[in-house]
N, C-alpha and C. Protein backbone atom coordinates (compact mmCIF):
# COMPACT_ATOMS: atom_id res chain seq x y z
N MET A 1 -45.05 58.04 31.87
CA MET A 1 -43.83 57.81 32.62
C MET A 1 -44.11 58.05 34.10
N THR A 2 -43.53 57.20 34.91
CA THR A 2 -43.72 57.29 36.34
C THR A 2 -42.40 57.60 37.03
N PRO A 3 -42.45 58.00 38.30
CA PRO A 3 -41.20 58.22 39.04
C PRO A 3 -40.33 56.97 39.09
N GLN A 4 -40.94 55.78 39.08
CA GLN A 4 -40.15 54.55 39.08
C GLN A 4 -39.31 54.46 37.82
N HIS A 5 -39.86 54.91 36.69
CA HIS A 5 -39.09 54.93 35.45
C HIS A 5 -37.92 55.89 35.57
N LEU A 6 -38.18 57.05 36.17
CA LEU A 6 -37.15 58.06 36.31
C LEU A 6 -36.01 57.58 37.20
N ILE A 7 -36.32 56.76 38.19
CA ILE A 7 -35.28 56.21 39.07
C ILE A 7 -34.28 55.39 38.26
N GLN A 8 -34.76 54.69 37.25
CA GLN A 8 -33.88 53.85 36.42
C GLN A 8 -32.82 54.66 35.69
N VAL A 9 -33.13 55.92 35.38
CA VAL A 9 -32.20 56.75 34.61
C VAL A 9 -31.77 57.99 35.40
N GLN A 10 -31.87 57.91 36.71
CA GLN A 10 -31.53 59.05 37.56
C GLN A 10 -30.09 59.51 37.33
N HIS A 11 -29.22 58.56 37.01
CA HIS A 11 -27.82 58.89 36.77
C HIS A 11 -27.63 59.73 35.50
N LEU A 12 -28.63 59.79 34.64
CA LEU A 12 -28.55 60.57 33.41
C LEU A 12 -29.19 61.96 33.55
N LEU A 13 -29.77 62.23 34.71
CA LEU A 13 -30.39 63.54 34.93
C LEU A 13 -29.31 64.60 35.11
N PRO A 14 -29.55 65.81 34.61
CA PRO A 14 -28.59 66.88 34.86
C PRO A 14 -28.53 67.21 36.35
N ALA A 15 -27.45 67.84 36.76
CA ALA A 15 -27.26 68.16 38.18
C ALA A 15 -28.42 68.98 38.74
N SER A 16 -28.95 69.89 37.94
CA SER A 16 -30.06 70.72 38.43
C SER A 16 -31.30 69.87 38.73
N ALA A 17 -31.56 68.86 37.91
CA ALA A 17 -32.71 67.98 38.14
C ALA A 17 -32.46 67.11 39.36
N GLN A 18 -31.23 66.69 39.56
CA GLN A 18 -30.91 65.89 40.74
C GLN A 18 -31.08 66.72 42.02
N THR A 19 -30.72 68.00 41.95
CA THR A 19 -30.93 68.88 43.10
C THR A 19 -32.42 69.02 43.39
N LEU A 20 -33.21 69.21 42.34
CA LEU A 20 -34.66 69.31 42.53
C LEU A 20 -35.21 68.03 43.15
N ALA A 21 -34.74 66.89 42.67
CA ALA A 21 -35.22 65.60 43.19
C ALA A 21 -34.85 65.42 44.66
N GLU A 22 -33.67 65.88 45.04
CA GLU A 22 -33.28 65.80 46.45
C GLU A 22 -34.17 66.67 47.32
N LEU A 23 -34.57 67.82 46.79
CA LEU A 23 -35.39 68.75 47.56
C LEU A 23 -36.85 68.34 47.65
N ILE A 24 -37.43 67.93 46.54
CA ILE A 24 -38.89 67.71 46.51
C ILE A 24 -39.28 66.28 46.13
N GLY A 25 -38.30 65.43 45.84
CA GLY A 25 -38.60 64.05 45.46
C GLY A 25 -38.79 63.88 43.97
N LEU A 26 -38.63 62.65 43.50
CA LEU A 26 -38.75 62.37 42.07
C LEU A 26 -40.16 62.59 41.50
N PRO A 27 -41.23 62.21 42.22
CA PRO A 27 -42.56 62.44 41.64
C PRO A 27 -42.82 63.91 41.33
N ALA A 28 -42.50 64.79 42.26
CA ALA A 28 -42.73 66.22 42.04
C ALA A 28 -41.77 66.76 40.98
N THR A 29 -40.54 66.27 40.96
CA THR A 29 -39.59 66.70 39.94
C THR A 29 -40.08 66.31 38.56
N LEU A 30 -40.62 65.11 38.43
CA LEU A 30 -41.16 64.66 37.15
C LEU A 30 -42.30 65.57 36.69
N LYS A 31 -43.20 65.94 37.60
CA LYS A 31 -44.28 66.86 37.26
C LYS A 31 -43.72 68.21 36.82
N LEU A 32 -42.73 68.68 37.55
CA LEU A 32 -42.14 69.98 37.25
C LEU A 32 -41.47 69.99 35.88
N VAL A 33 -40.71 68.94 35.59
CA VAL A 33 -40.02 68.84 34.31
C VAL A 33 -41.03 68.72 33.16
N SER A 34 -42.08 67.93 33.35
CA SER A 34 -43.04 67.75 32.27
C SER A 34 -43.86 69.02 32.02
N GLU A 35 -44.10 69.81 33.05
CA GLU A 35 -44.89 71.03 32.88
C GLU A 35 -44.06 72.26 32.53
N LEU A 36 -42.86 72.38 33.14
CA LEU A 36 -42.07 73.60 32.99
C LEU A 36 -40.68 73.38 32.43
N GLY A 37 -40.38 72.16 31.98
CA GLY A 37 -39.05 71.87 31.47
C GLY A 37 -38.63 72.83 30.37
N GLY A 38 -37.40 73.33 30.49
CA GLY A 38 -36.87 74.26 29.51
C GLY A 38 -37.16 75.72 29.83
N ARG A 39 -37.92 75.94 30.87
CA ARG A 39 -38.26 77.32 31.25
C ARG A 39 -37.49 77.74 32.49
N THR A 40 -37.55 78.99 32.77
CA THR A 40 -36.89 79.54 33.95
C THR A 40 -37.95 80.03 34.92
N TRP A 41 -37.74 79.75 36.19
CA TRP A 41 -38.67 80.17 37.22
C TRP A 41 -37.95 81.14 38.14
N SER A 42 -38.60 82.25 38.44
CA SER A 42 -38.02 83.24 39.34
C SER A 42 -38.56 83.03 40.74
N PHE A 43 -37.66 82.97 41.69
CA PHE A 43 -38.04 82.86 43.10
C PHE A 43 -37.72 84.20 43.75
N VAL A 44 -38.71 84.78 44.39
CA VAL A 44 -38.51 86.05 45.05
C VAL A 44 -38.52 85.83 46.55
N LYS A 45 -37.85 86.71 47.27
CA LYS A 45 -37.90 86.63 48.73
C LYS A 45 -39.27 87.09 49.20
N GLY A 46 -39.82 86.39 50.15
CA GLY A 46 -41.11 86.76 50.69
C GLY A 46 -42.25 86.29 49.81
N PRO A 47 -43.48 86.53 50.24
CA PRO A 47 -44.64 86.08 49.47
C PRO A 47 -44.80 86.89 48.19
N ARG A 48 -45.36 86.28 47.18
CA ARG A 48 -45.63 86.95 45.91
C ARG A 48 -46.88 87.80 46.03
N THR A 49 -46.90 88.87 45.30
CA THR A 49 -48.11 89.68 45.23
C THR A 49 -49.08 88.97 44.29
N PRO A 50 -50.37 89.29 44.34
CA PRO A 50 -51.34 88.60 43.48
C PRO A 50 -50.97 88.66 41.99
N ARG A 51 -50.42 89.77 41.51
CA ARG A 51 -50.10 89.85 40.09
C ARG A 51 -48.88 89.03 39.72
N GLU A 52 -48.08 88.59 40.71
CA GLU A 52 -46.91 87.77 40.43
C GLU A 52 -47.26 86.29 40.29
N HIS A 53 -48.47 85.92 40.71
CA HIS A 53 -48.88 84.53 40.59
C HIS A 53 -49.18 84.20 39.13
N ALA A 54 -48.42 83.28 38.57
CA ALA A 54 -48.65 82.86 37.19
C ALA A 54 -49.78 81.83 37.19
N PRO A 55 -50.50 81.70 36.07
CA PRO A 55 -51.59 80.71 36.02
C PRO A 55 -51.08 79.29 36.27
N ASP A 56 -49.83 79.04 35.91
CA ASP A 56 -49.27 77.70 36.13
C ASP A 56 -48.38 77.73 37.36
N SER A 57 -48.90 78.29 38.43
CA SER A 57 -48.09 78.46 39.63
C SER A 57 -47.53 77.13 40.10
N LEU A 58 -46.40 77.22 40.72
CA LEU A 58 -45.69 76.04 41.19
C LEU A 58 -46.54 75.15 42.09
N ALA A 59 -47.28 75.76 42.99
CA ALA A 59 -48.10 74.97 43.92
C ALA A 59 -49.16 74.16 43.19
N GLN A 60 -49.70 74.69 42.11
CA GLN A 60 -50.70 73.95 41.34
C GLN A 60 -50.08 72.75 40.63
N ILE A 61 -48.81 72.87 40.29
CA ILE A 61 -48.14 71.80 39.55
C ILE A 61 -47.60 70.72 40.48
N ILE A 62 -46.89 71.13 41.53
CA ILE A 62 -46.19 70.15 42.37
C ILE A 62 -46.72 70.05 43.79
N GLY A 63 -47.62 70.92 44.17
CA GLY A 63 -48.16 70.89 45.53
C GLY A 63 -47.58 72.02 46.37
N GLN A 64 -48.35 72.43 47.36
CA GLN A 64 -47.98 73.57 48.19
C GLN A 64 -46.69 73.32 48.98
N HIS A 65 -46.59 72.17 49.61
CA HIS A 65 -45.41 71.87 50.43
C HIS A 65 -44.13 71.89 49.60
N GLU A 66 -44.17 71.24 48.44
CA GLU A 66 -42.99 71.18 47.58
C GLU A 66 -42.63 72.55 47.05
N ALA A 67 -43.64 73.35 46.69
CA ALA A 67 -43.39 74.71 46.21
C ALA A 67 -42.73 75.55 47.29
N GLU A 68 -43.17 75.38 48.52
CA GLU A 68 -42.56 76.12 49.63
C GLU A 68 -41.12 75.68 49.85
N LEU A 69 -40.85 74.39 49.73
CA LEU A 69 -39.47 73.91 49.87
C LEU A 69 -38.55 74.55 48.83
N LEU A 70 -39.01 74.61 47.59
CA LEU A 70 -38.21 75.22 46.53
C LEU A 70 -38.05 76.72 46.78
N ALA A 71 -39.12 77.37 47.20
CA ALA A 71 -39.04 78.81 47.45
C ALA A 71 -38.04 79.12 48.56
N ARG A 72 -38.02 78.32 49.60
CA ARG A 72 -37.06 78.52 50.69
C ARG A 72 -35.63 78.28 50.21
N HIS A 73 -35.45 77.21 49.46
CA HIS A 73 -34.10 76.85 49.01
C HIS A 73 -33.54 77.87 48.02
N PHE A 74 -34.37 78.31 47.09
CA PHE A 74 -33.89 79.19 46.02
C PHE A 74 -34.19 80.67 46.27
N ALA A 75 -34.73 81.02 47.44
CA ALA A 75 -35.09 82.41 47.72
C ALA A 75 -33.88 83.31 47.49
N GLY A 76 -34.10 84.34 46.72
CA GLY A 76 -33.04 85.30 46.46
C GLY A 76 -32.28 85.01 45.18
N ASP A 77 -32.30 83.76 44.71
CA ASP A 77 -31.67 83.47 43.42
C ASP A 77 -32.51 84.15 42.35
N ALA A 78 -31.84 84.76 41.41
CA ALA A 78 -32.56 85.49 40.36
C ALA A 78 -33.49 84.57 39.60
N ASP A 79 -32.94 83.55 38.98
CA ASP A 79 -33.74 82.64 38.16
C ASP A 79 -33.22 81.22 38.33
N VAL A 80 -34.12 80.28 38.27
CA VAL A 80 -33.75 78.87 38.34
C VAL A 80 -34.26 78.20 37.06
N HIS A 81 -33.35 77.55 36.36
CA HIS A 81 -33.70 76.87 35.12
C HIS A 81 -34.27 75.49 35.44
N ILE A 82 -35.41 75.18 34.89
CA ILE A 82 -36.01 73.85 35.03
C ILE A 82 -35.54 73.05 33.81
N PRO A 83 -34.75 72.01 34.01
CA PRO A 83 -34.16 71.29 32.87
C PRO A 83 -35.19 70.47 32.10
N LEU A 84 -34.86 70.19 30.86
CA LEU A 84 -35.71 69.35 30.01
C LEU A 84 -35.48 67.86 30.27
N CYS A 85 -34.29 67.51 30.70
CA CYS A 85 -33.91 66.12 30.98
C CYS A 85 -34.00 65.25 29.72
N LYS A 86 -33.60 65.80 28.59
CA LYS A 86 -33.72 65.10 27.32
C LYS A 86 -32.98 63.77 27.29
N VAL A 87 -31.77 63.74 27.82
CA VAL A 87 -30.96 62.51 27.76
C VAL A 87 -31.66 61.38 28.52
N ALA A 88 -32.13 61.69 29.72
CA ALA A 88 -32.79 60.66 30.54
C ALA A 88 -34.11 60.22 29.90
N LEU A 89 -34.89 61.17 29.39
CA LEU A 89 -36.17 60.82 28.77
C LEU A 89 -35.96 60.03 27.48
N ARG A 90 -34.93 60.38 26.72
CA ARG A 90 -34.64 59.63 25.49
C ARG A 90 -34.21 58.20 25.83
N GLU A 91 -33.43 58.05 26.89
CA GLU A 91 -33.01 56.71 27.31
C GLU A 91 -34.22 55.87 27.71
N LEU A 92 -35.18 56.48 28.41
CA LEU A 92 -36.39 55.75 28.78
C LEU A 92 -37.16 55.32 27.54
N ARG A 93 -37.28 56.21 26.56
CA ARG A 93 -37.96 55.86 25.31
C ARG A 93 -37.24 54.71 24.61
N ASP A 94 -35.92 54.78 24.55
CA ASP A 94 -35.15 53.74 23.87
C ASP A 94 -35.31 52.39 24.57
N ARG A 95 -35.33 52.40 25.89
CA ARG A 95 -35.54 51.15 26.64
C ARG A 95 -36.92 50.59 26.35
N GLU A 96 -37.89 51.48 26.28
CA GLU A 96 -39.26 51.06 26.00
C GLU A 96 -39.36 50.43 24.61
N ILE A 97 -38.68 51.02 23.64
CA ILE A 97 -38.68 50.47 22.28
C ILE A 97 -38.08 49.07 22.27
N ARG A 98 -36.95 48.88 22.96
CA ARG A 98 -36.31 47.56 22.99
C ARG A 98 -37.22 46.53 23.67
N ALA A 99 -37.88 46.93 24.74
CA ALA A 99 -38.79 46.01 25.44
C ALA A 99 -40.00 45.67 24.57
N GLU A 100 -40.54 46.66 23.89
CA GLU A 100 -41.69 46.40 23.02
C GLU A 100 -41.31 45.53 21.83
N PHE A 101 -40.10 45.71 21.33
CA PHE A 101 -39.63 44.86 20.24
C PHE A 101 -39.62 43.40 20.69
N ASP A 102 -39.07 43.16 21.89
CA ASP A 102 -39.05 41.80 22.42
C ASP A 102 -40.46 41.24 22.58
N SER A 103 -41.36 42.07 23.06
CA SER A 103 -42.73 41.64 23.26
C SER A 103 -43.40 41.30 21.92
N LEU A 104 -43.14 42.12 20.91
CA LEU A 104 -43.75 41.87 19.60
C LEU A 104 -43.17 40.62 18.93
N THR A 105 -41.86 40.45 19.04
CA THR A 105 -41.23 39.33 18.33
C THR A 105 -41.31 38.02 19.10
N ILE A 106 -41.20 38.08 20.39
CA ILE A 106 -41.23 36.84 21.19
C ILE A 106 -42.66 36.52 21.61
N GLY A 107 -43.32 37.50 22.23
CA GLY A 107 -44.66 37.27 22.75
C GLY A 107 -45.72 37.14 21.68
N GLN A 108 -45.67 38.01 20.68
CA GLN A 108 -46.71 37.99 19.65
C GLN A 108 -46.23 37.34 18.35
N GLN A 109 -45.02 36.88 18.36
CA GLN A 109 -44.41 36.13 17.25
C GLN A 109 -44.50 36.86 15.91
N ARG A 110 -44.23 38.15 15.94
CA ARG A 110 -44.14 38.91 14.69
C ARG A 110 -42.70 38.85 14.21
N SER A 111 -42.53 39.08 12.93
CA SER A 111 -41.16 39.10 12.41
C SER A 111 -40.48 40.38 12.89
N ALA A 112 -39.16 40.39 12.87
CA ALA A 112 -38.41 41.57 13.28
C ALA A 112 -38.76 42.77 12.41
N ARG A 113 -38.91 42.54 11.11
CA ARG A 113 -39.25 43.65 10.21
C ARG A 113 -40.62 44.23 10.52
N GLN A 114 -41.58 43.37 10.82
CA GLN A 114 -42.92 43.85 11.17
C GLN A 114 -42.86 44.66 12.47
N ALA A 115 -42.12 44.16 13.44
CA ALA A 115 -42.01 44.85 14.73
C ALA A 115 -41.35 46.21 14.56
N VAL A 116 -40.28 46.27 13.79
CA VAL A 116 -39.57 47.53 13.58
C VAL A 116 -40.47 48.53 12.87
N ALA A 117 -41.20 48.08 11.86
CA ALA A 117 -42.11 48.98 11.14
C ALA A 117 -43.18 49.54 12.08
N GLU A 118 -43.73 48.68 12.92
CA GLU A 118 -44.76 49.14 13.86
C GLU A 118 -44.19 50.13 14.86
N LEU A 119 -43.00 49.84 15.41
CA LEU A 119 -42.39 50.73 16.40
C LEU A 119 -42.00 52.07 15.78
N ALA A 120 -41.49 52.04 14.56
CA ALA A 120 -41.12 53.28 13.89
C ALA A 120 -42.35 54.18 13.73
N GLY A 121 -43.45 53.59 13.32
CA GLY A 121 -44.68 54.37 13.18
C GLY A 121 -45.20 54.88 14.50
N ARG A 122 -45.17 54.04 15.51
CA ARG A 122 -45.70 54.41 16.82
C ARG A 122 -44.91 55.54 17.45
N TYR A 123 -43.59 55.51 17.31
CA TYR A 123 -42.74 56.51 17.96
C TYR A 123 -42.35 57.66 17.03
N GLY A 124 -42.77 57.59 15.78
CA GLY A 124 -42.48 58.68 14.86
C GLY A 124 -41.01 58.82 14.53
N ILE A 125 -40.31 57.68 14.42
CA ILE A 125 -38.90 57.69 14.06
C ILE A 125 -38.68 56.76 12.87
N ALA A 126 -37.54 56.89 12.24
CA ALA A 126 -37.24 56.07 11.07
C ALA A 126 -36.96 54.63 11.47
N SER A 127 -37.28 53.70 10.58
CA SER A 127 -37.00 52.29 10.82
C SER A 127 -35.51 52.06 11.07
N ARG A 128 -34.67 52.76 10.32
CA ARG A 128 -33.22 52.62 10.52
C ARG A 128 -32.81 52.98 11.95
N HIS A 129 -33.47 54.01 12.48
CA HIS A 129 -33.14 54.41 13.85
C HIS A 129 -33.57 53.33 14.84
N VAL A 130 -34.72 52.72 14.61
CA VAL A 130 -35.17 51.63 15.49
C VAL A 130 -34.13 50.51 15.45
N TRP A 131 -33.66 50.15 14.26
CA TRP A 131 -32.64 49.10 14.17
C TRP A 131 -31.40 49.47 14.97
N ARG A 132 -30.97 50.74 14.89
CA ARG A 132 -29.79 51.19 15.67
C ARG A 132 -30.05 51.06 17.16
N LEU A 133 -31.25 51.46 17.59
CA LEU A 133 -31.59 51.37 19.02
C LEU A 133 -31.58 49.93 19.51
N LEU A 134 -32.00 49.01 18.67
CA LEU A 134 -32.05 47.61 19.06
C LEU A 134 -30.65 47.03 19.27
N LYS A 135 -29.65 47.63 18.66
CA LYS A 135 -28.27 47.16 18.82
C LYS A 135 -27.61 47.73 20.07
N GLN A 136 -28.23 48.72 20.68
CA GLN A 136 -27.66 49.36 21.87
C GLN A 136 -28.11 48.64 23.14
N THR A 137 -27.38 48.91 24.20
CA THR A 137 -27.76 48.40 25.52
C THR A 137 -28.16 49.57 26.39
N ASP A 138 -28.79 49.28 27.51
CA ASP A 138 -29.20 50.32 28.45
C ASP A 138 -27.98 51.08 28.95
N LYS A 139 -28.14 52.38 29.09
CA LYS A 139 -27.09 53.21 29.68
C LYS A 139 -27.24 53.09 31.19
N THR A 140 -26.31 52.39 31.80
CA THR A 140 -26.39 52.17 33.24
C THR A 140 -25.45 53.12 33.96
N ALA A 141 -25.69 53.26 35.25
CA ALA A 141 -24.84 54.13 36.07
C ALA A 141 -23.44 53.54 36.15
N PRO A 142 -22.43 54.39 36.13
CA PRO A 142 -21.06 53.88 36.26
C PRO A 142 -20.86 53.22 37.61
N VAL A 143 -20.10 52.16 37.62
CA VAL A 143 -19.80 51.45 38.86
C VAL A 143 -18.63 52.13 39.54
N ARG A 144 -18.82 52.48 40.78
CA ARG A 144 -17.76 53.14 41.55
C ARG A 144 -16.92 52.07 42.23
N PRO A 145 -15.59 52.20 42.12
CA PRO A 145 -14.72 51.21 42.77
C PRO A 145 -14.80 51.34 44.29
N LEU A 146 -14.68 50.21 44.93
CA LEU A 146 -14.68 50.19 46.40
C LEU A 146 -13.30 50.56 46.90
N ASN A 147 -13.24 51.46 47.83
CA ASN A 147 -11.94 51.87 48.41
C ASN A 147 -11.83 51.43 49.83
């Protein structure tokens, strides 16, 4: 998954992930979510002592500049939760399944049943679930009325 993919489902990201993206950008947010999603990170005021540096330090994951931006923004906050972004990531997977189905049935001229069986195996989900996903449309951002 790339930041371009994440842009497509940015409207499905939780508020905390959107805040992170505003601060450090989508590429760094994607790295942060994939490495630390579901965990809590503590930001302390001032520099960390050597024993406070975790092996998966923020700078190693997202870069020094981005880590400093987060440290400045969240300094003094006890803990910051790094979201999993399950809804957005699931939507990306579902879109990928629908696109691959089209590619298999139109491009490679496989039957729908063959395509569904292959996709179910590839993604580790039931064939019935693939059929349900094929009936759905992309979750798009709500349209805001013009005032």
